[in-house]
Every structure is written in C-alpha cells, then in structure tokens.
Amino acid sequence: MNRKQLSKLGIPEYCTLEAMQGIQSAVKAGLRGKDAKQRLIAVAAAPQEYLNDEHFGEFANAFSEVEEIEPSTPVDYAVWGDEFIDEMSHKQMREACSLPHAVAGALMPDAHLGYGLPIGGVLALEGAVCPYAVGVDIACRMKLSVLDLPTDFLSDDKRRRELTTALEKGTVFGTGKAWKPRKNHDVMDQDWTISRITRESKDKAWNQLGTSGSGNHFVEFGLLTITEEEAGIGVAPGEYVALLSHSGSRGTGHAVCSTYSAIARKKLPRRYAHVGRLAWLELDTQEGQEYWAAMNLMGDYASANHAVIHRNVVKLAGASVLGGVENHHNFAWKEVHNGREVIVHRKGATPAGEGVLGVIPGSMATPAYVVRGKGNAASLHSASHGAGRVMSRKKANSMYRIQSVRTDLKAQGVHVISAGSDEVPMVYKNIEDVMNAQTDLVTKIARFDPLIVKMCGDGSRPED
C-alpha cells in the first residue's frame, strides 16, 4: 500500500512508515494482502491492544503516541496596533495559539517576526512552558536609575566627556565579552547546580556579569522628565539625569534556551513535529522543572547584571541613585487569568498589571517611556517592550552607515559613542505610534530622552 491509500484509511502521515513496515512484515509471514489491510485497520481502531504485535507493534506504539495529546481548538488572540504588524508575525501567532496547551494570546503593537513566537507576542499555556516563547536572551530587561547630577551635565562639553568615559569604562559590549577581573554579586552565591547547563556555565556567567552583549542592547545617559505627582519612581516631578540600560542573561541564558528547546523538540509527539521552535515542556516533567528553575535563575542573573552595570557606571560618574524602575520582557510567569493558573510567556512584551511600572524604549534618537500598567485582561496584563523593528538587520546594514547617522544625530544633540548600522533609528517603528496604540494598556508617567548612547559597535552577532 502507498501513502495515498493509507491516507484514505485514516492513517496519519506521521505513521505511514510504520504502517507500511507492518504490512510488509505481515505479508512476508504469509498473511494475504487483504488480510494485512484488515489487520492494519483493526490496529488503528484499538492500538493499545496491539502494542506487542509482532508485525504491527511499532505502528500501534506510534499511533498511540500521536493520540496522547489531543489538539485543542486554536485560541483567539487580541491585537494592538494591527496596522503596524506584518502578516508573518500573525502567522507565527496563529501557530502558537494552536498548541495543545494554549489558552490565550495577545500581540503587541511593536510585534515583528521572531523565532517561534513573534517578538511582541504574549502566550498563555496551561501546564507547559515553551523555551523559544520566552526567548533566547532569557530575562532581557530594562533598568532605569535616576541620578543626583545636575541636568546641565548632559550639555556641558567637559561633563559630557566624563559621562561618556563612565559608559565606556563601566560596562563591556560584544558577543562573548567578559570582565577581567570579574565582578561580584550575591547572585553567584545562589544554587547553580539546578541543571547541568547552569552548573557548567557558572564560570562563564560570572565572567560576563556586568557586561552588555550586543544587538539592541544599550547603556545610555539621558534627560528624564517626570510628569506625574505620584509616579512611584522615588522622586518628585521634574527633570533629572538618568541612566538607562537594556540587556539580559548573556551567553548562559542563550545556552539554557538552546539546550531545553532541543530537549523539547525531541520529546514532541510526532503529530506536532511541525511546530519546531514552539516545542514545549510540560511543567510536571523533570525537564520542565529544570528549565523553569534555570529560567528563574537567569532572571536573577539578568537583574544582577544590570545592578553591576549601574553600580559601575554610577560610581564612575560620581553620582548617587535617587530612585528608579526595572522590568523583564523575555520571561514566563505563573499567573491566574480567568480563574485558571497559566504560564504567561512575554517574548518582547512588558508586564503591565494594574499599577505595575515598566520601561518601554524607542531608539537611540527617540524617547523611552516609564509606564504604569492598567491591568488589561485582554492583553494578559501586557504591553509592548519597545518600538519594534521594521526591517531585518541585513537590510539595515545594506541601507545605512552608522558614521553618517552619528553625524546627523550629533547635530541634534545625541552623542552616539558606538553602535552598529543595524540599530540606527530608521530601522524602528515610530515609538509615538506604538504608544498611542496601547493607551488602554499603560499610562505614560515619565519620558526619557537619550543623549549619550553606547551600543555594540564591533560587528558582533546580535544577542537580543
């Protein structure tokens, strides 16, 4: 029998090889073709009764496996800023919402194509976690510190050079780059033996503690304008010098994602082989528990990474911290929505529960906003994590030259210490359009205008 004939009998494509092998084995043993066909039909009707059958046992086991997880009805997802979102991002979101554990989804206005789940995608799964729906750069996050420096430090040539030096000496950019000697933080006293990959990567993580990586990661000084009387940032309304950083868990976070995504793909039932990077781990399995523990450790590590960067830069700038705010945007949380405990993945999306503070950046030449969440249930209490890209890095590098853009930005008062051509402002959506598309998700409480910017400029592979 061929695949077409097997399909007419209701045999799934992912079991056709075992079905044909079973028929061949039965015929060789003396069973007539018609009888072999009837045996195959009987096995498909009750595979559990034939798991040890000498001819059709492998088919019975394969057929039983694909029946273990019944696909749920694809869930709907809410969308903000649909006019800014490409069809490929929608396609990825539809695929994610077709996973068997999916219960809800949302797409933020900064959404663009990603691996598995689109950047700006929010996905709630029940009892399962998807490493690539969290992201490669686990716990990539924002941190803003309000400083006690006079605001004229940002415009005075001598003071600006001092702030530039603080950025250049306070962190390290580039793929694989590390500190020598390495920095210290209590996070390195936590239990790094929770998984093989964290245990083996501890030294690398320690070496990279306080570094910024590459891609869209940055550290910058700018002017923070607080407009709300009760902003919750720790200071009164007014204008301040502030330090803003964006980076995550560096090489160890990447290793955790890659390792457990590969495990998830190997464990996929055959009927879901097509989901690829959307492969999941059920939380009640050993692998699921290991990934969950490793992911949370990476959250603590990423937070420590920012803490060390800010400690270094603030000290070099001769400043003190008055207040601030920080948040993850590549992570998964256990939350209750519609009365069900679910795992909410926010890949490039900011937590925006009622009263929750966060930072949403634009680009090296456009504002970032400190926001307060409104707890919108339809968005799973989420908002965008930035402006969102409008073109690939390859296209950006072919169209723009950072040196020319730096000259233009300098004339506008923005000093770019280093960056790649793939991170120029033109590769991002208009941050004002993105913010206007999510007024029901967050309230803007402060504006940060970048004035001294440092990104990776050595051509390193992007880590974001």
Protein backbone atom coordinates (compact mmCIF):
# COMPACT_ATOMS: atom_id res chain seq x y z
CA MET A 1 0.00 0.00 0.00
CA ASN A 2 1.15 3.52 -0.73
CA ARG A 3 0.77 6.74 1.31
CA LYS A 4 -2.33 7.83 -0.60
CA GLN A 5 -4.10 4.51 0.09
CA LEU A 6 -3.10 4.66 3.76
CA SER A 7 -4.43 8.21 3.99
CA LYS A 8 -7.82 7.02 2.72
CA LEU A 9 -7.84 4.52 5.59
CA GLY A 10 -7.33 7.39 8.05
CA ILE A 11 -3.69 6.60 8.80
CA PRO A 12 -1.85 9.86 9.73
CA GLU A 13 1.10 10.80 7.54
CA TYR A 14 3.46 10.68 10.50
CA CYS A 15 2.67 6.96 10.97
CA THR A 16 2.78 5.82 7.34
CA LEU A 17 6.31 4.42 7.53
CA GLU A 18 5.45 2.15 10.48
CA ALA A 19 2.18 1.17 8.78
CA MET A 20 3.93 0.11 5.57
CA GLN A 21 6.61 -1.77 7.50
CA GLY A 22 3.89 -3.60 9.43
CA ILE A 23 2.09 -4.65 6.24
CA GLN A 24 5.35 -5.82 4.63
CA SER A 25 6.20 -7.85 7.73
CA ALA A 26 2.75 -9.45 7.83
CA VAL A 27 2.80 -10.35 4.12
CA LYS A 28 6.28 -11.88 4.43
CA ALA A 29 4.94 -14.02 7.28
CA GLY A 30 2.25 -15.42 4.95
CA LEU A 31 -0.71 -13.08 5.56
CA ARG A 32 -2.61 -12.15 2.40
CA GLY A 33 -2.62 -8.50 1.36
CA LYS A 34 -6.34 -8.12 2.01
CA ASP A 35 -5.99 -9.65 5.46
CA ALA A 36 -2.96 -7.44 6.24
CA LYS A 37 -5.04 -4.40 5.34
CA GLN A 38 -7.84 -5.51 7.68
CA ARG A 39 -5.31 -6.12 10.46
CA LEU A 40 -3.97 -2.58 9.97
CA ILE A 41 -7.50 -1.16 10.24
CA ALA A 42 -8.08 -3.15 13.43
CA VAL A 43 -4.81 -1.87 14.94
CA ALA A 44 -5.72 1.73 14.12
CA ALA A 45 -9.10 1.24 15.81
CA ALA A 46 -7.59 -0.11 19.05
CA PRO A 47 -3.80 0.47 19.06
CA GLN A 48 -3.42 -0.28 22.79
CA GLU A 49 -4.39 -3.92 22.13
CA TYR A 50 -1.58 -4.40 19.59
CA LEU A 51 1.42 -2.75 21.26
CA ASN A 52 3.30 -6.08 21.31
CA ASP A 53 2.08 -7.38 17.95
CA GLU A 54 4.99 -8.93 16.04
CA HIS A 55 4.05 -7.18 12.81
CA PHE A 56 2.16 -4.03 13.78
CA GLY A 57 3.59 -3.32 17.24
CA GLU A 58 5.70 -0.36 16.08
CA PHE A 59 2.74 1.12 14.23
CA ALA A 60 0.50 0.63 17.27
CA ASN A 61 3.01 2.40 19.51
CA ALA A 62 3.48 5.27 17.06
CA PHE A 63 -0.28 5.63 16.58
CA SER A 64 -0.85 5.59 20.34
CA GLU A 65 1.79 8.26 20.82
CA VAL A 66 0.16 10.72 18.44
CA GLU A 67 -3.18 10.22 20.15
CA GLU A 68 -1.81 11.04 23.63
CA ILE A 69 -2.25 14.80 23.26
CA GLU A 70 -5.42 15.89 21.59
CA PRO A 71 -5.12 19.25 19.84
CA SER A 72 -7.16 21.98 21.44
CA THR A 73 -9.26 24.32 19.39
CA PRO A 74 -6.96 27.18 18.30
CA VAL A 75 -7.49 30.10 20.66
CA ASP A 76 -8.07 33.66 19.55
CA TYR A 77 -5.57 36.39 20.32
CA ALA A 78 -6.11 40.11 20.82
CA VAL A 79 -4.11 42.61 18.75
CA TRP A 80 -2.94 46.17 19.37
CA GLY A 81 -1.60 48.34 16.54
CA ASP A 82 -2.56 45.87 13.83
CA GLU A 83 -1.69 48.43 11.13
CA PHE A 84 1.97 48.17 12.20
CA ILE A 85 2.17 44.37 12.22
CA ASP A 86 3.25 42.18 9.27
CA GLU A 87 1.47 39.01 8.19
CA MET A 88 4.38 36.74 9.12
CA SER A 89 4.05 37.82 12.76
CA HIS A 90 0.34 36.98 12.62
CA LYS A 91 1.18 33.60 11.09
CA GLN A 92 3.57 32.82 13.94
CA MET A 93 0.97 33.93 16.48
CA ARG A 94 -1.71 31.73 14.92
CA GLU A 95 0.63 28.75 15.07
CA ALA A 96 1.42 29.45 18.72
CA CYS A 97 -2.27 29.71 19.57
CA SER A 98 -2.79 26.26 18.01
CA LEU A 99 -0.54 24.50 20.53
CA PRO A 100 -2.42 21.92 22.61
CA HIS A 101 -1.81 23.77 25.89
CA ALA A 102 -2.69 27.24 24.57
CA VAL A 103 -5.49 29.08 26.38
CA ALA A 104 -4.96 32.75 25.37
CA GLY A 105 -2.72 35.07 23.39
CA ALA A 106 -2.06 38.70 22.55
CA LEU A 107 0.05 40.61 20.05
CA MET A 108 1.60 43.95 20.99
CA PRO A 109 1.98 46.96 18.61
CA ASP A 110 5.77 46.55 18.37
CA ALA A 111 5.39 42.98 17.07
CA HIS A 112 7.69 41.64 14.37
CA LEU A 113 8.98 38.29 13.17
CA GLY A 114 10.88 36.19 15.71
CA TYR A 115 11.88 32.58 16.27
CA GLY A 116 8.80 30.51 17.12
CA LEU A 117 6.76 33.20 18.84
CA PRO A 118 6.95 36.67 17.30
CA ILE A 119 8.71 39.43 19.21
CA GLY A 120 5.87 41.26 20.94
CA GLY A 121 3.91 38.02 21.34
CA VAL A 122 2.17 37.04 24.57
CA LEU A 123 1.13 33.40 25.00
CA ALA A 124 -0.61 31.67 27.91
CA LEU A 125 -0.14 27.90 28.17
CA GLU A 126 -1.69 25.67 30.80
CA GLY A 127 0.81 23.38 32.50
CA ALA A 128 3.58 23.86 29.96
CA VAL A 129 6.43 26.22 29.10
CA CYS A 130 7.94 26.89 25.67
CA PRO A 131 11.63 27.94 25.78
CA TYR A 132 11.51 29.84 22.50
CA ALA A 133 8.33 31.65 23.55
CA VAL A 134 10.43 33.00 26.43
CA GLY A 135 13.27 33.81 24.07
CA VAL A 136 16.96 33.18 23.55
CA ASP A 137 18.02 36.12 25.73
CA ILE A 138 16.16 34.96 28.84
CA ALA A 139 15.11 37.80 31.15
CA CYS A 140 16.28 40.54 28.82
CA ARG A 141 15.23 43.60 30.79
CA MET A 142 15.26 47.36 31.29
CA LYS A 143 16.74 49.24 34.23
CA LEU A 144 16.49 52.99 34.83
CA SER A 145 18.30 54.82 37.63
CA VAL A 146 17.54 58.45 38.49
CA LEU A 147 20.73 60.26 39.48
CA ASP A 148 21.54 63.29 41.63
CA LEU A 149 23.61 65.00 38.91
CA PRO A 150 22.69 68.48 37.60
CA THR A 151 20.93 68.28 34.23
CA ASP A 152 23.48 70.63 32.62
CA PHE A 153 25.97 67.73 32.83
CA LEU A 154 24.22 66.43 29.70
CA SER A 155 25.05 69.54 27.65
CA ASP A 156 28.33 70.82 29.13
CA ASP A 157 31.22 69.53 26.98
CA LYS A 158 33.53 68.66 29.90
CA ARG A 159 30.82 66.95 31.94
CA ARG A 160 29.53 65.09 28.91
CA ARG A 161 33.00 63.69 28.28
CA GLU A 162 33.07 62.48 31.89
CA LEU A 163 29.73 60.72 31.42
CA THR A 164 30.98 59.23 28.16
CA THR A 165 34.03 57.82 29.97
CA ALA A 166 31.75 56.36 32.65
CA LEU A 167 29.82 54.43 29.99
CA GLU A 168 32.97 53.28 28.20
CA LYS A 169 34.63 52.02 31.38
CA GLY A 170 31.52 50.89 33.27
CA THR A 171 30.46 48.01 31.01
CA VAL A 172 31.72 45.81 28.17
CA PHE A 173 29.98 45.27 24.83
CA GLY A 174 30.37 42.42 22.34
CA THR A 175 29.40 38.77 21.89
CA GLY A 176 31.26 36.59 24.38
CA LYS A 177 32.98 39.57 26.00
CA ALA A 178 33.77 39.34 29.72
CA TRP A 179 35.31 41.33 32.58
CA LYS A 180 38.90 40.87 33.73
CA PRO A 181 38.96 40.78 36.71
CA ARG A 182 35.39 39.62 37.05
CA LYS A 183 32.79 41.48 39.14
CA ASN A 184 30.96 40.29 42.24
CA HIS A 185 27.29 39.98 43.14
CA ASP A 186 25.28 37.80 45.52
CA VAL A 187 23.61 36.06 42.56
CA MET A 188 26.75 33.98 42.16
CA ASP A 189 26.10 32.51 45.64
CA GLN A 190 22.78 31.03 44.51
CA ASP A 191 22.39 27.36 43.56
CA TRP A 192 23.82 26.99 40.04
CA THR A 193 23.59 23.18 40.17
CA ILE A 194 19.85 23.18 39.41
CA SER A 195 20.62 21.95 35.88
CA ARG A 196 23.62 20.64 34.01
CA ILE A 197 23.80 23.69 31.77
CA THR A 198 23.75 26.23 34.62
CA ARG A 199 26.31 24.21 36.56
CA GLU A 200 28.66 24.00 33.59
CA SER A 201 28.12 27.68 32.65
CA LYS A 202 28.63 29.25 36.07
CA ASP A 203 32.19 30.41 35.40
CA LYS A 204 31.21 31.92 32.07
CA ALA A 205 28.24 33.65 33.68
CA TRP A 206 30.45 35.07 36.42
CA ASN A 207 32.96 36.34 33.85
CA GLN A 208 30.17 38.06 31.91
CA LEU A 209 28.47 39.56 34.97
CA GLY A 210 28.11 43.30 34.41
CA THR A 211 28.51 43.17 30.63
CA SER A 212 26.09 44.33 27.95
CA GLY A 213 26.45 41.98 25.00
CA SER A 214 25.39 43.06 21.51
CA GLY A 215 22.42 43.56 19.19
CA ASN A 216 19.85 46.03 20.53
CA HIS A 217 21.43 46.16 23.98
CA PHE A 218 22.50 49.60 25.17
CA VAL A 219 23.55 51.74 28.11
CA GLU A 220 22.83 55.47 27.90
CA PHE A 221 22.52 58.72 29.80
CA GLY A 222 19.58 60.96 29.12
CA LEU A 223 17.14 63.52 30.40
CA LEU A 224 14.25 62.08 32.42
CA THR A 225 11.12 64.21 32.64
CA ILE A 226 8.65 63.04 35.30
CA THR A 227 5.16 64.43 34.83
CA GLU A 228 3.10 62.63 37.47
CA GLU A 229 2.91 63.69 41.11
CA GLU A 230 2.78 60.07 42.33
CA ALA A 231 4.97 58.41 39.72
CA GLY A 232 6.31 55.73 42.05
CA ILE A 233 9.89 56.16 40.82
CA GLY A 234 11.08 57.55 44.14
CA VAL A 235 11.48 61.21 43.18
CA ALA A 236 9.24 64.24 42.70
CA PRO A 237 8.10 65.51 39.29
CA GLY A 238 10.78 67.39 37.38
CA GLU A 239 13.83 66.90 35.15
CA TYR A 240 16.71 64.58 36.08
CA VAL A 241 19.81 62.96 34.67
CA ALA A 242 19.08 59.24 34.35
CA LEU A 243 20.92 56.09 33.34
CA LEU A 244 19.06 53.53 31.23
CA SER A 245 20.27 50.05 30.28
CA HIS A 246 18.92 47.18 28.19
CA SER A 247 20.43 43.67 28.22
CA GLY A 248 19.78 40.19 29.55
CA SER A 249 21.38 36.94 30.70
CA ARG A 250 24.19 36.83 28.14
CA GLY A 251 25.70 33.55 26.96
CA THR A 252 24.32 31.40 29.76
CA GLY A 253 20.73 32.44 29.04
CA HIS A 254 21.27 31.56 25.39
CA ALA A 255 22.66 28.15 26.39
CA VAL A 256 19.68 27.44 28.66
CA CYS A 257 17.21 28.26 25.88
CA SER A 258 19.07 26.26 23.23
CA THR A 259 19.54 23.22 25.46
CA TYR A 260 15.96 22.92 26.66
CA SER A 261 14.41 23.82 23.33
CA ALA A 262 16.36 20.93 21.79
CA ILE A 263 15.07 18.63 24.53
CA ALA A 264 11.52 19.85 23.94
CA ARG A 265 11.77 19.17 20.20
CA LYS A 266 12.99 15.62 20.82
CA LYS A 267 10.03 14.99 23.13
CA LEU A 268 7.43 16.35 20.71
CA PRO A 269 4.70 13.88 19.76
CA ARG A 270 5.02 13.16 16.06
CA ARG A 271 1.83 14.94 15.12
CA TYR A 272 3.41 18.19 16.39
CA ALA A 273 6.81 17.84 14.73
CA HIS A 274 5.94 20.80 12.50
CA VAL A 275 5.82 23.29 15.39
CA GLY A 276 9.63 23.31 15.56
CA ARG A 277 10.80 26.12 17.85
CA LEU A 278 7.40 26.25 19.52
CA ALA A 279 8.15 22.90 21.17
CA TRP A 280 7.08 22.87 24.81
CA LEU A 281 7.98 21.15 28.05
CA GLU A 282 5.26 20.09 30.44
CA LEU A 283 5.93 21.51 33.88
CA ASP A 284 5.31 18.23 35.70
CA THR A 285 8.26 16.59 33.93
CA GLN A 286 11.87 16.62 35.11
CA GLU A 287 12.95 18.60 32.05
CA GLY A 288 10.15 21.12 32.56
CA GLN A 289 11.11 21.63 36.19
CA GLU A 290 14.78 22.01 35.29
CA TYR A 291 14.06 24.61 32.63
CA TRP A 292 11.74 26.53 34.97
CA ALA A 293 14.40 26.65 37.68
CA ALA A 294 17.11 27.61 35.19
CA MET A 295 14.91 30.31 33.64
CA ASN A 296 14.25 31.85 37.06
CA LEU A 297 17.95 31.75 37.89
CA MET A 298 18.59 33.58 34.61
CA GLY A 299 16.04 36.18 35.74
CA ASP A 300 18.01 36.78 38.92
CA TYR A 301 21.26 36.81 36.95
CA ALA A 302 19.99 39.34 34.40
CA SER A 303 18.81 41.60 37.22
CA ALA A 304 22.24 41.29 38.85
CA ASN A 305 23.87 42.01 35.50
CA HIS A 306 22.10 45.38 35.36
CA ALA A 307 22.81 46.06 39.02
CA VAL A 308 26.54 45.66 38.42
CA ILE A 309 26.47 47.82 35.27
CA HIS A 310 24.65 50.61 37.11
CA ARG A 311 26.92 50.28 40.14
CA ASN A 312 29.98 50.64 37.92
CA VAL A 313 28.72 53.49 35.77
CA VAL A 314 27.17 55.49 38.61
CA LYS A 315 30.39 55.28 40.62
CA LEU A 316 32.49 56.37 37.64
CA ALA A 317 30.11 59.28 37.06
CA GLY A 318 30.50 60.38 40.68
CA ALA A 319 26.76 60.17 41.25
CA SER A 320 24.23 58.67 43.64
CA VAL A 321 20.95 56.96 42.79
CA LEU A 322 17.75 58.71 43.89
CA GLY A 323 15.22 56.18 42.55
CA GLY A 324 14.38 54.02 39.58
CA VAL A 325 12.40 51.24 37.92
CA GLU A 326 13.19 47.97 36.10
CA ASN A 327 11.42 45.06 34.44
CA HIS A 328 11.91 41.82 32.45
CA HIS A 329 10.46 41.40 28.98
CA ASN A 330 11.65 37.93 27.88
CA PHE A 331 10.25 35.65 30.55
CA ALA A 332 7.42 33.37 31.65
CA TRP A 333 5.31 33.86 34.77
CA LYS A 334 2.79 31.69 36.64
CA GLU A 335 -0.34 33.84 36.76
CA VAL A 336 -4.07 33.40 37.17
CA HIS A 337 -6.25 34.58 34.29
CA ASN A 338 -9.97 33.87 34.02
CA GLY A 339 -9.72 31.70 37.11
CA ARG A 340 -7.03 29.39 35.67
CA GLU A 341 -3.36 29.20 36.57
CA VAL A 342 -1.42 29.58 33.34
CA ILE A 343 2.14 30.17 32.22
CA VAL A 344 2.22 33.60 30.56
CA HIS A 345 5.11 33.95 28.11
CA ARG A 346 6.03 37.55 27.28
CA LYS A 347 8.55 37.47 24.46
CA GLY A 348 9.44 41.09 23.89
CA ALA A 349 6.46 42.24 25.94
CA THR A 350 6.36 44.23 29.17
CA PRO A 351 4.37 43.15 32.24
CA ALA A 352 1.56 45.69 32.63
CA GLY A 353 -0.57 44.54 35.54
CA GLU A 354 -2.55 47.22 37.31
CA GLY A 355 -0.09 49.66 38.91
CA VAL A 356 2.99 47.78 37.67
CA LEU A 357 5.81 50.04 36.47
CA GLY A 358 7.94 49.37 33.40
CA VAL A 359 10.14 51.00 30.78
CA ILE A 360 9.41 50.97 27.04
CA PRO A 361 12.32 52.27 24.92
CA GLY A 362 12.22 53.77 21.43
CA SER A 363 15.60 54.04 19.68
CA MET A 364 18.93 55.83 20.11
CA ALA A 365 17.25 59.03 18.90
CA THR A 366 13.70 58.70 20.20
CA PRO A 367 12.25 58.66 23.72
CA ALA A 368 11.76 55.81 26.13
CA TYR A 369 8.73 55.96 28.42
CA VAL A 370 8.27 54.93 32.01
CA VAL A 371 4.77 53.49 32.17
CA ARG A 372 2.24 52.25 34.69
CA GLY A 373 0.18 49.22 33.73
CA LYS A 374 -3.62 49.29 33.61
CA GLY A 375 -4.14 45.54 34.05
CA ASN A 376 -5.98 45.00 30.76
CA ALA A 377 -7.21 41.40 30.86
CA ALA A 378 -7.38 41.03 27.08
CA SER A 379 -3.65 41.66 26.78
CA LEU A 380 -2.92 39.25 29.63
CA HIS A 381 -1.70 42.33 31.55
CA SER A 382 0.98 43.10 28.94
CA ALA A 383 2.28 45.95 26.78
CA SER A 384 4.97 46.42 24.14
CA HIS A 385 8.65 46.18 25.06
CA GLY A 386 9.84 48.85 22.66
CA ALA A 387 9.18 50.40 19.26
CA GLY A 388 9.75 47.19 17.27
CA ARG A 389 11.82 46.69 14.12
CA VAL A 390 10.55 47.42 10.61
CA MET A 391 13.39 45.74 8.73
CA SER A 392 15.95 42.98 9.11
CA ARG A 393 19.50 43.63 10.24
CA LYS A 394 20.81 42.55 6.84
CA LYS A 395 18.64 45.10 5.05
CA ALA A 396 19.54 47.81 7.57
CA ASN A 397 23.26 47.21 7.06
CA SER A 398 22.83 47.47 3.30
CA MET A 399 20.88 50.75 3.54
CA TYR A 400 22.58 52.74 6.31
CA ARG A 401 26.02 53.67 7.62
CA ILE A 402 26.34 54.37 11.32
CA GLN A 403 29.03 57.03 10.81
CA SER A 404 26.70 59.16 8.71
CA VAL A 405 23.83 58.70 11.15
CA ARG A 406 26.08 59.55 14.12
CA THR A 407 26.95 62.85 12.47
CA ASP A 408 23.29 63.69 11.92
CA LEU A 409 22.37 62.75 15.49
CA LYS A 410 25.23 64.78 16.95
CA ALA A 411 23.75 67.86 15.27
CA GLN A 412 20.52 67.02 17.13
CA GLY A 413 22.33 66.78 20.47
CA VAL A 414 22.52 62.97 20.65
CA HIS A 415 26.06 61.64 21.06
CA VAL A 416 26.45 58.01 19.92
CA ILE A 417 29.67 56.55 21.32
CA SER A 418 29.36 53.30 19.37
CA ALA A 419 26.67 51.27 17.62
CA GLY A 420 26.01 49.15 14.55
CA SER A 421 24.35 50.29 11.34
CA ASP A 422 21.60 47.74 12.03
CA GLU A 423 20.49 49.76 15.09
CA VAL A 424 20.01 53.21 13.54
CA PRO A 425 16.68 54.94 14.38
CA MET A 426 15.21 54.30 10.93
CA VAL A 427 15.01 50.54 11.48
CA TYR A 428 12.39 51.01 14.21
CA LYS A 429 8.71 51.85 14.22
CA ASN A 430 7.64 55.28 15.41
CA ILE A 431 7.57 54.99 19.19
CA GLU A 432 4.78 57.58 19.43
CA ASP A 433 2.57 55.50 17.13
CA VAL A 434 3.31 52.41 19.21
CA MET A 435 2.48 54.20 22.47
CA ASN A 436 -0.71 55.69 21.02
CA ALA A 437 -1.81 52.18 20.02
CA GLN A 438 -1.70 50.94 23.63
CA THR A 439 -3.26 53.72 25.69
CA ASP A 440 -5.65 51.15 27.17
CA LEU A 441 -2.69 49.06 28.36
CA VAL A 442 -0.40 51.61 30.04
CA THR A 443 -0.21 55.21 31.23
CA LYS A 444 2.92 57.24 30.47
CA ILE A 445 4.33 58.72 33.68
CA ALA A 446 7.79 59.87 32.57
CA ARG A 447 9.80 60.45 29.39
CA PHE A 448 13.47 59.62 28.93
CA ASP A 449 15.32 61.33 26.06
CA PRO A 450 18.65 59.61 25.25
CA LEU A 451 21.60 61.99 24.86
CA ILE A 452 24.76 59.85 25.33
CA VAL A 453 24.39 56.38 23.84
CA LYS A 454 26.64 53.33 23.82
CA MET A 455 25.83 50.11 21.94
CA CYS A 456 27.92 47.32 20.48
CA GLY A 457 29.93 48.60 17.52
CA ASP A 458 32.31 45.74 16.79
CA GLY A 459 30.09 43.82 14.39
CA SER A 460 29.29 41.07 16.91
CA ARG A 461 26.44 38.68 16.23
CA PRO A 462 23.27 40.11 17.84
CA GLU A 463 22.31 38.56 21.19
CA ASP A 464 18.88 40.17 21.57
